Amino acid sequence: MTSMYVKYLALMGLFLVTSSASAIEFTQVLNDKSSISFGYKQMNVPLDGKFKKFVAQIDFDPAKPEAAQAKFDITIASI
């Protein structure tokens, strides 16, 4: 019974460390490390593309996920 209790405590400790480490508010998008890509079919041939110029704003708070918002302004000519 004791080893089961120790395993349970270790698992709970790991969960608490993991969940507190991931509770970061996201507000910035690093354009040089991000991309917006898409896929489509033309004459039943799969193709993909990518936009090279865009601006993104993200508002995400893990404590209030229902209030999350994202806005993307894409320069269509940068396809």
PDB file of N, CA and C in Angstrom:
ATOM      1  N   MET A   1       0.819  -1.195   0.000  1.00  0.00           N
ATOM      2  CA  MET A   1       0.000   0.000   0.000  1.00  0.00           C
ATOM      3  C   MET A   1       0.862   1.258   0.000  1.00  0.00           C
ATOM      4  N   THR A   2       1.987   1.227   0.661  1.00  0.00           N
ATOM      5  CA  THR A   2       2.849   2.398   0.745  1.00  0.00           C
ATOM      6  C   THR A   2       3.446   2.754  -0.602  1.00  0.00           C
ATOM      7  N   SER A   3       3.888   1.756  -1.381  1.00  0.00           N
ATOM      8  CA  SER A   3       4.485   2.058  -2.691  1.00  0.00           C
ATOM      9  C   SER A   3       3.440   2.639  -3.644  1.00  0.00           C
ATOM     10  N   MET A   4       2.196   2.204  -3.530  1.00  0.00           N
ATOM     11  CA  MET A   4       1.138   2.760  -4.358  1.00  0.00           C
ATOM     12  C   MET A   4       0.908   4.230  -3.997  1.00  0.00           C
ATOM     13  N   TYR A   5       0.944   4.535  -2.731  1.00  0.00           N
ATOM     14  CA  TYR A   5       0.767   5.907  -2.254  1.00  0.00           C
ATOM     15  C   TYR A   5       1.910   6.794  -2.740  1.00  0.00           C
ATOM     16  N   VAL A   6       3.137   6.295  -2.724  1.00  0.00           N
ATOM     17  CA  VAL A   6       4.304   7.049  -3.191  1.00  0.00           C
ATOM     18  C   VAL A   6       4.198   7.311  -4.687  1.00  0.00           C
ATOM     19  N   LYS A   7       3.776   6.316  -5.460  1.00  0.00           N
ATOM     20  CA  LYS A   7       3.598   6.489  -6.904  1.00  0.00           C
ATOM     21  C   LYS A   7       2.532   7.544  -7.189  1.00  0.00           C
ATOM     22  N   TYR A   8       1.455   7.512  -6.419  1.00  0.00           N
ATOM     23  CA  TYR A   8       0.380   8.491  -6.581  1.00  0.00           C
ATOM     24  C   TYR A   8       0.893   9.906  -6.301  1.00  0.00           C
ATOM     25  N   LEU A   9       1.642  10.071  -5.226  1.00  0.00           N
ATOM     26  CA  LEU A   9       2.192  11.387  -4.893  1.00  0.00           C
ATOM     27  C   LEU A   9       3.182  11.862  -5.955  1.00  0.00           C
ATOM     28  N   ALA A  10       3.997  10.954  -6.461  1.00  0.00           N
ATOM     29  CA  ALA A  10       4.958  11.324  -7.508  1.00  0.00           C
ATOM     30  C   ALA A  10       4.222  11.755  -8.770  1.00  0.00           C
ATOM     31  N   LEU A  11       3.167  11.046  -9.133  1.00  0.00           N
ATOM     32  CA  LEU A  11       2.382  11.399 -10.299  1.00  0.00           C
ATOM     33  C   LEU A  11       1.703  12.751 -10.120  1.00  0.00           C
ATOM     34  N   MET A  12       1.153  12.999  -8.954  1.00  0.00           N
ATOM     35  CA  MET A  12       0.513  14.288  -8.683  1.00  0.00           C
ATOM     36  C   MET A  12       1.537  15.423  -8.704  1.00  0.00           C
ATOM     37  N   GLY A  13       2.710  15.185  -8.166  1.00  0.00           N
ATOM     38  CA  GLY A  13       3.760  16.199  -8.195  1.00  0.00           C
ATOM     39  C   GLY A  13       4.185  16.523  -9.611  1.00  0.00           C
ATOM     40  N   LEU A  14       4.307  15.492 -10.457  1.00  0.00           N
ATOM     41  CA  LEU A  14       4.660  15.707 -11.854  1.00  0.00           C
ATOM     42  C   LEU A  14       3.576  16.506 -12.566  1.00  0.00           C
ATOM     43  N   PHE A  15       2.324  16.197 -12.289  1.00  0.00           N
ATOM     44  CA  PHE A  15       1.212  16.923 -12.890  1.00  0.00           C
ATOM     45  C   PHE A  15       1.237  18.390 -12.468  1.00  0.00           C
ATOM     46  N   LEU A  16       1.468  18.656 -11.206  1.00  0.00           N
ATOM     47  CA  LEU A  16       1.490  20.044 -10.722  1.00  0.00           C
ATOM     48  C   LEU A  16       2.638  20.827 -11.327  1.00  0.00           C
ATOM     49  N   VAL A  17       3.808  20.216 -11.433  1.00  0.00           N
ATOM     50  CA  VAL A  17       4.956  20.897 -12.037  1.00  0.00           C
ATOM     51  C   VAL A  17       4.687  21.170 -13.505  1.00  0.00           C
ATOM     52  N   THR A  18       4.151  20.184 -14.216  1.00  0.00           N
ATOM     53  CA  THR A  18       3.869  20.340 -15.636  1.00  0.00           C
ATOM     54  C   THR A  18       2.806  21.391 -15.880  1.00  0.00           C
ATOM     55  N   SER A  19       1.731  21.365 -15.110  1.00  0.00           N
ATOM     56  CA  SER A  19       0.648  22.313 -15.348  1.00  0.00           C
ATOM     57  C   SER A  19       1.048  23.729 -14.962  1.00  0.00           C
ATOM     58  N   SER A  20       1.859  23.898 -13.939  1.00  0.00           N
ATOM     59  CA  SER A  20       2.276  25.258 -13.584  1.00  0.00           C
ATOM     60  C   SER A  20       3.308  25.793 -14.568  1.00  0.00           C
ATOM     61  N   ALA A  21       4.107  24.909 -15.158  1.00  0.00           N
ATOM     62  CA  ALA A  21       5.100  25.350 -16.136  1.00  0.00           C
ATOM     63  C   ALA A  21       4.437  25.770 -17.437  1.00  0.00           C
ATOM     64  N   SER A  22       3.286  25.189 -17.760  1.00  0.00           N
ATOM     65  CA  SER A  22       2.636  25.530 -19.019  1.00  0.00           C
ATOM     66  C   SER A  22       1.631  26.656 -18.880  1.00  0.00           C
ATOM     67  N   ALA A  23       1.444  27.184 -17.699  1.00  0.00           N
ATOM     68  CA  ALA A  23       0.471  28.254 -17.469  1.00  0.00           C
ATOM     69  C   ALA A  23       1.090  29.600 -17.798  1.00  0.00           C
ATOM     70  N   ILE A  24       1.375  29.800 -19.063  1.00  0.00           N
ATOM     71  CA  ILE A  24       1.998  31.030 -19.539  1.00  0.00           C
ATOM     72  C   ILE A  24       1.011  31.762 -20.422  1.00  0.00           C
ATOM     73  N   GLU A  25       0.934  33.051 -20.243  1.00  0.00           N
ATOM     74  CA  GLU A  25       0.054  33.857 -21.083  1.00  0.00           C
ATOM     75  C   GLU A  25       0.755  34.141 -22.401  1.00  0.00           C
ATOM     76  N   PHE A  26       0.064  33.883 -23.517  1.00  0.00           N
ATOM     77  CA  PHE A  26       0.628  34.092 -24.841  1.00  0.00           C
ATOM     78  C   PHE A  26       0.076  35.374 -25.434  1.00  0.00           C
ATOM     79  N   THR A  27       0.969  36.278 -25.841  1.00  0.00           N
ATOM     80  CA  THR A  27       0.529  37.530 -26.448  1.00  0.00           C
ATOM     81  C   THR A  27       1.359  37.911 -27.663  1.00  0.00           C
ATOM     82  N   GLN A  28       2.500  37.281 -27.873  1.00  0.00           N
ATOM     83  CA  GLN A  28       3.367  37.660 -28.986  1.00  0.00           C
ATOM     84  C   GLN A  28       3.538  36.502 -29.963  1.00  0.00           C
ATOM     85  N   VAL A  29       3.605  36.845 -31.233  1.00  0.00           N
ATOM     86  CA  VAL A  29       3.892  35.862 -32.273  1.00  0.00           C
ATOM     87  C   VAL A  29       5.236  36.240 -32.877  1.00  0.00           C
ATOM     88  N   LEU A  30       6.137  35.283 -32.928  1.00  0.00           N
ATOM     89  CA  LEU A  30       7.455  35.509 -33.520  1.00  0.00           C
ATOM     90  C   LEU A  30       7.362  35.176 -35.002  1.00  0.00           C
ATOM     91  N   ASN A  31       7.251  36.211 -35.832  1.00  0.00           N
ATOM     92  CA  ASN A  31       7.051  36.003 -37.270  1.00  0.00           C
ATOM     93  C   ASN A  31       8.183  35.213 -37.913  1.00  0.00           C
ATOM     94  N   ASP A  32       9.420  35.399 -37.458  1.00  0.00           N
ATOM     95  CA  ASP A  32      10.538  34.677 -38.059  1.00  0.00           C
ATOM     96  C   ASP A  32      10.527  33.188 -37.700  1.00  0.00           C
ATOM     97  N   LYS A  33       9.754  32.796 -36.691  1.00  0.00           N
ATOM     98  CA  LYS A  33       9.663  31.399 -36.290  1.00  0.00           C
ATOM     99  C   LYS A  33       8.262  30.824 -36.533  1.00  0.00           C
ATOM    100  N   SER A  34       7.407  31.582 -37.197  1.00  0.00           N
ATOM    101  CA  SER A  34       6.022  31.174 -37.442  1.00  0.00           C
ATOM    102  C   SER A  34       5.740  31.153 -38.934  1.00  0.00           C
ATOM    103  N   SER A  35       4.679  30.455 -39.293  1.00  0.00           N
ATOM    104  CA  SER A  35       4.283  30.430 -40.695  1.00  0.00           C
ATOM    105  C   SER A  35       2.781  30.203 -40.794  1.00  0.00           C
ATOM    106  N   ILE A  36       2.222  30.665 -41.901  1.00  0.00           N
ATOM    107  CA  ILE A  36       0.827  30.388 -42.230  1.00  0.00           C
ATOM    108  C   ILE A  36       0.852  29.692 -43.580  1.00  0.00           C
ATOM    109  N   SER A  37       0.442  28.443 -43.577  1.00  0.00           N
ATOM    110  CA  SER A  37       0.449  27.668 -44.813  1.00  0.00           C
ATOM    111  C   SER A  37      -0.939  27.081 -45.054  1.00  0.00           C
ATOM    112  N   PHE A  38      -1.146  26.549 -46.248  1.00  0.00           N
ATOM    113  CA  PHE A  38      -2.452  26.016 -46.610  1.00  0.00           C
ATOM    114  C   PHE A  38      -2.264  24.908 -47.638  1.00  0.00           C
ATOM    115  N   GLY A  39      -3.290  24.119 -47.796  1.00  0.00           N
ATOM    116  CA  GLY A  39      -3.286  23.070 -48.795  1.00  0.00           C
ATOM    117  C   GLY A  39      -4.596  23.099 -49.572  1.00  0.00           C
ATOM    118  N   TYR A  40      -4.540  22.665 -50.815  1.00  0.00           N
ATOM    119  CA  TYR A  40      -5.725  22.640 -51.654  1.00  0.00           C
ATOM    120  C   TYR A  40      -5.511  21.630 -52.781  1.00  0.00           C
ATOM    121  N   LYS A  41      -6.565  21.379 -53.528  1.00  0.00           N
ATOM    122  CA  LYS A  41      -6.463  20.500 -54.694  1.00  0.00           C
ATOM    123  C   LYS A  41      -6.869  21.274 -55.935  1.00  0.00           C
ATOM    124  N   GLN A  42      -6.081  21.105 -56.985  1.00  0.00           N
ATOM    125  CA  GLN A  42      -6.395  21.690 -58.286  1.00  0.00           C
ATOM    126  C   GLN A  42      -6.375  20.539 -59.285  1.00  0.00           C
ATOM    127  N   MET A  43      -7.513  20.302 -59.921  1.00  0.00           N
ATOM    128  CA  MET A  43      -7.677  19.181 -60.840  1.00  0.00           C
ATOM    129  C   MET A  43      -7.304  17.871 -60.141  1.00  0.00           C
ATOM    130  N   ASN A  44      -7.733  17.767 -58.887  1.00  0.00           N
ATOM    131  CA  ASN A  44      -7.527  16.605 -58.030  1.00  0.00           C
ATOM    132  C   ASN A  44      -6.049  16.338 -57.692  1.00  0.00           C
ATOM    133  N   VAL A  45      -5.196  17.331 -57.877  1.00  0.00           N
ATOM    134  CA  VAL A  45      -3.777  17.224 -57.524  1.00  0.00           C
ATOM    135  C   VAL A  45      -3.551  18.039 -56.245  1.00  0.00           C
ATOM    136  N   PRO A  46      -3.074  17.400 -55.173  1.00  0.00           N
ATOM    137  CA  PRO A  46      -2.839  18.146 -53.936  1.00  0.00           C
ATOM    138  C   PRO A  46      -1.669  19.119 -54.073  1.00  0.00           C
ATOM    139  N   LEU A  47      -1.896  20.350 -53.667  1.00  0.00           N
ATOM    140  CA  LEU A  47      -0.869  21.399 -53.696  1.00  0.00           C
ATOM    141  C   LEU A  47      -0.854  22.092 -52.346  1.00  0.00           C
ATOM    142  N   ASP A  48       0.243  22.754 -52.056  1.00  0.00           N
ATOM    143  CA  ASP A  48       0.315  23.536 -50.822  1.00  0.00           C
ATOM    144  C   ASP A  48       0.973  24.874 -51.102  1.00  0.00           C
ATOM    145  N   GLY A  49       0.760  25.803 -50.199  1.00  0.00           N
ATOM    146  CA  GLY A  49       1.325  27.138 -50.340  1.00  0.00           C
ATOM    147  C   GLY A  49       1.593  27.751 -48.979  1.00  0.00           C
ATOM    148  N   LYS A  50       2.205  28.917 -49.019  1.00  0.00           N
ATOM    149  CA  LYS A  50       2.601  29.582 -47.779  1.00  0.00           C
ATOM    150  C   LYS A  50       2.559  31.084 -47.996  1.00  0.00           C
ATOM    151  N   PHE A  51       2.091  31.803 -46.985  1.00  0.00           N
ATOM    152  CA  PHE A  51       2.138  33.266 -47.011  1.00  0.00           C
ATOM    153  C   PHE A  51       3.422  33.715 -46.335  1.00  0.00           C
ATOM    154  N   LYS A  52       4.161  34.613 -46.993  1.00  0.00           N
ATOM    155  CA  LYS A  52       5.445  35.060 -46.453  1.00  0.00           C
ATOM    156  C   LYS A  52       5.325  36.275 -45.549  1.00  0.00           C
ATOM    157  N   LYS A  53       4.258  37.070 -45.712  1.00  0.00           N
ATOM    158  CA  LYS A  53       4.100  38.279 -44.895  1.00  0.00           C
ATOM    159  C   LYS A  53       2.764  38.238 -44.165  1.00  0.00           C
ATOM    160  N   PHE A  54       2.835  38.366 -42.854  1.00  0.00           N
ATOM    161  CA  PHE A  54       1.631  38.424 -42.042  1.00  0.00           C
ATOM    162  C   PHE A  54       1.955  39.046 -40.689  1.00  0.00           C
ATOM    163  N   VAL A  55       0.931  39.540 -40.059  1.00  0.00           N
ATOM    164  CA  VAL A  55       1.033  40.074 -38.700  1.00  0.00           C
ATOM    165  C   VAL A  55      -0.014  39.338 -37.876  1.00  0.00           C
ATOM    166  N   ALA A  56       0.370  38.873 -36.706  1.00  0.00           N
ATOM    167  CA  ALA A  56      -0.560  38.120 -35.874  1.00  0.00           C
ATOM    168  C   ALA A  56      -0.552  38.668 -34.452  1.00  0.00           C
ATOM    169  N   GLN A  57      -1.722  38.663 -33.858  1.00  0.00           N
ATOM    170  CA  GLN A  57      -1.880  39.042 -32.455  1.00  0.00           C
ATOM    171  C   GLN A  57      -2.656  37.931 -31.768  1.00  0.00           C
ATOM    172  N   ILE A  58      -2.150  37.464 -30.651  1.00  0.00           N
ATOM    173  CA  ILE A  58      -2.815  36.409 -29.893  1.00  0.00           C
ATOM    174  C   ILE A  58      -2.980  36.884 -28.460  1.00  0.00           C
ATOM    175  N   ASP A  59      -4.137  36.639 -27.910  1.00  0.00           N
ATOM    176  CA  ASP A  59      -4.421  36.947 -26.513  1.00  0.00           C
ATOM    177  C   ASP A  59      -4.946  35.670 -25.872  1.00  0.00           C
ATOM    178  N   PHE A  60      -4.074  34.951 -25.158  1.00  0.00           N
ATOM    179  CA  PHE A  60      -4.454  33.689 -24.533  1.00  0.00           C
ATOM    180  C   PHE A  60      -3.952  33.647 -23.106  1.00  0.00           C
ATOM    181  N   ASP A  61      -4.876  33.488 -22.180  1.00  0.00           N
ATOM    182  CA  ASP A  61      -4.570  33.332 -20.762  1.00  0.00           C
ATOM    183  C   ASP A  61      -5.099  31.967 -20.335  1.00  0.00           C
ATOM    184  N   PRO A  62      -4.224  31.043 -19.915  1.00  0.00           N
ATOM    185  CA  PRO A  62      -4.684  29.706 -19.526  1.00  0.00           C
ATOM    186  C   PRO A  62      -5.738  29.726 -18.421  1.00  0.00           C
ATOM    187  N   ALA A  63      -5.758  30.762 -17.624  1.00  0.00           N
ATOM    188  CA  ALA A  63      -6.763  30.854 -16.564  1.00  0.00           C
ATOM    189  C   ALA A  63      -8.143  31.203 -17.128  1.00  0.00           C
ATOM    190  N   LYS A  64      -8.191  31.790 -18.325  1.00  0.00           N
ATOM    191  CA  LYS A  64      -9.457  32.177 -18.957  1.00  0.00           C
ATOM    192  C   LYS A  64      -9.454  31.766 -20.437  1.00  0.00           C
ATOM    193  N   PRO A  65      -9.417  30.470 -20.747  1.00  0.00           N
ATOM    194  CA  PRO A  65      -9.340  30.054 -22.158  1.00  0.00           C
ATOM    195  C   PRO A  65     -10.555  30.467 -22.986  1.00  0.00           C
ATOM    196  N   GLU A  66     -11.697  30.653 -22.347  1.00  0.00           N
ATOM    197  CA  GLU A  66     -12.899  31.043 -23.091  1.00  0.00           C
ATOM    198  C   GLU A  66     -12.802  32.464 -23.632  1.00  0.00           C
ATOM    199  N   ALA A  67     -11.892  33.267 -23.129  1.00  0.00           N
ATOM    200  CA  ALA A  67     -11.731  34.648 -23.584  1.00  0.00           C
ATOM    201  C   ALA A  67     -10.605  34.793 -24.616  1.00  0.00           C
ATOM    202  N   ALA A  68     -10.038  33.689 -25.076  1.00  0.00           N
ATOM    203  CA  ALA A  68      -8.921  33.736 -26.026  1.00  0.00           C
ATOM    204  C   ALA A  68      -9.350  34.365 -27.346  1.00  0.00           C
ATOM    205  N   GLN A  69      -8.414  35.114 -27.947  1.00  0.00           N
ATOM    206  CA  GLN A  69      -8.658  35.768 -29.230  1.00  0.00           C
ATOM    207  C   GLN A  69      -7.403  35.680 -30.085  1.00  0.00           C
ATOM    208  N   ALA A  70      -7.604  35.635 -31.391  1.00  0.00           N
ATOM    209  CA  ALA A  70      -6.480  35.658 -32.337  1.00  0.00           C
ATOM    210  C   ALA A  70      -6.882  36.511 -33.526  1.00  0.00           C
ATOM    211  N   LYS A  71      -5.932  37.302 -34.034  1.00  0.00           N
ATOM    212  CA  LYS A  71      -6.169  38.145 -35.194  1.00  0.00           C
ATOM    213  C   LYS A  71      -4.973  37.996 -36.128  1.00  0.00           C
ATOM    214  N   PHE A  72      -5.264  37.741 -37.405  1.00  0.00           N
ATOM    215  CA  PHE A  72      -4.223  37.591 -38.404  1.00  0.00           C
ATOM    216  C   PHE A  72      -4.504  38.536 -39.552  1.00  0.00           C
ATOM    217  N   ASP A  73      -3.521  39.337 -39.913  1.00  0.00           N
ATOM    218  CA  ASP A  73      -3.582  40.185 -41.106  1.00  0.00           C
ATOM    219  C   ASP A  73      -2.559  39.617 -42.083  1.00  0.00           C
ATOM    220  N   ILE A  74      -3.060  39.061 -43.194  1.00  0.00           N
ATOM    221  CA  ILE A  74      -2.205  38.389 -44.165  1.00  0.00           C
ATOM    222  C   ILE A  74      -2.092  39.241 -45.422  1.00  0.00           C
ATOM    223  N   THR A  75      -0.870  39.434 -45.898  1.00  0.00           N
ATOM    224  CA  THR A  75      -0.640  40.104 -47.176  1.00  0.00           C
ATOM    225  C   THR A  75      -0.824  39.050 -48.265  1.00  0.00           C
ATOM    226  N   ILE A  76      -1.965  39.099 -48.938  1.00  0.00           N
ATOM    227  CA  ILE A  76      -2.317  38.081 -49.927  1.00  0.00           C
ATOM    228  C   ILE A  76      -1.273  38.002 -51.041  1.00  0.00           C
ATOM    229  N   ALA A  77      -0.690  39.138 -51.431  1.00  0.00           N
ATOM    230  CA  ALA A  77       0.309  39.147 -52.500  1.00  0.00           C
ATOM    231  C   ALA A  77       1.600  38.418 -52.120  1.00  0.00           C
ATOM    232  N   SER A  78       1.760  38.043 -50.862  1.00  0.00           N
ATOM    233  CA  SER A  78       2.984  37.366 -50.441  1.00  0.00           C
ATOM    234  C   SER A  78       2.884  35.849 -50.594  1.00  0.00           C
ATOM    235  N   ILE A  79       1.880  35.354 -51.292  1.00  0.00           N
ATOM    236  CA  ILE A  79       1.685  33.929 -51.461  1.00  0.00           C
ATOM    237  C   ILE A  79       2.803  33.303 -52.291  1.00  0.00           C
TER     238      ILE A  79
END
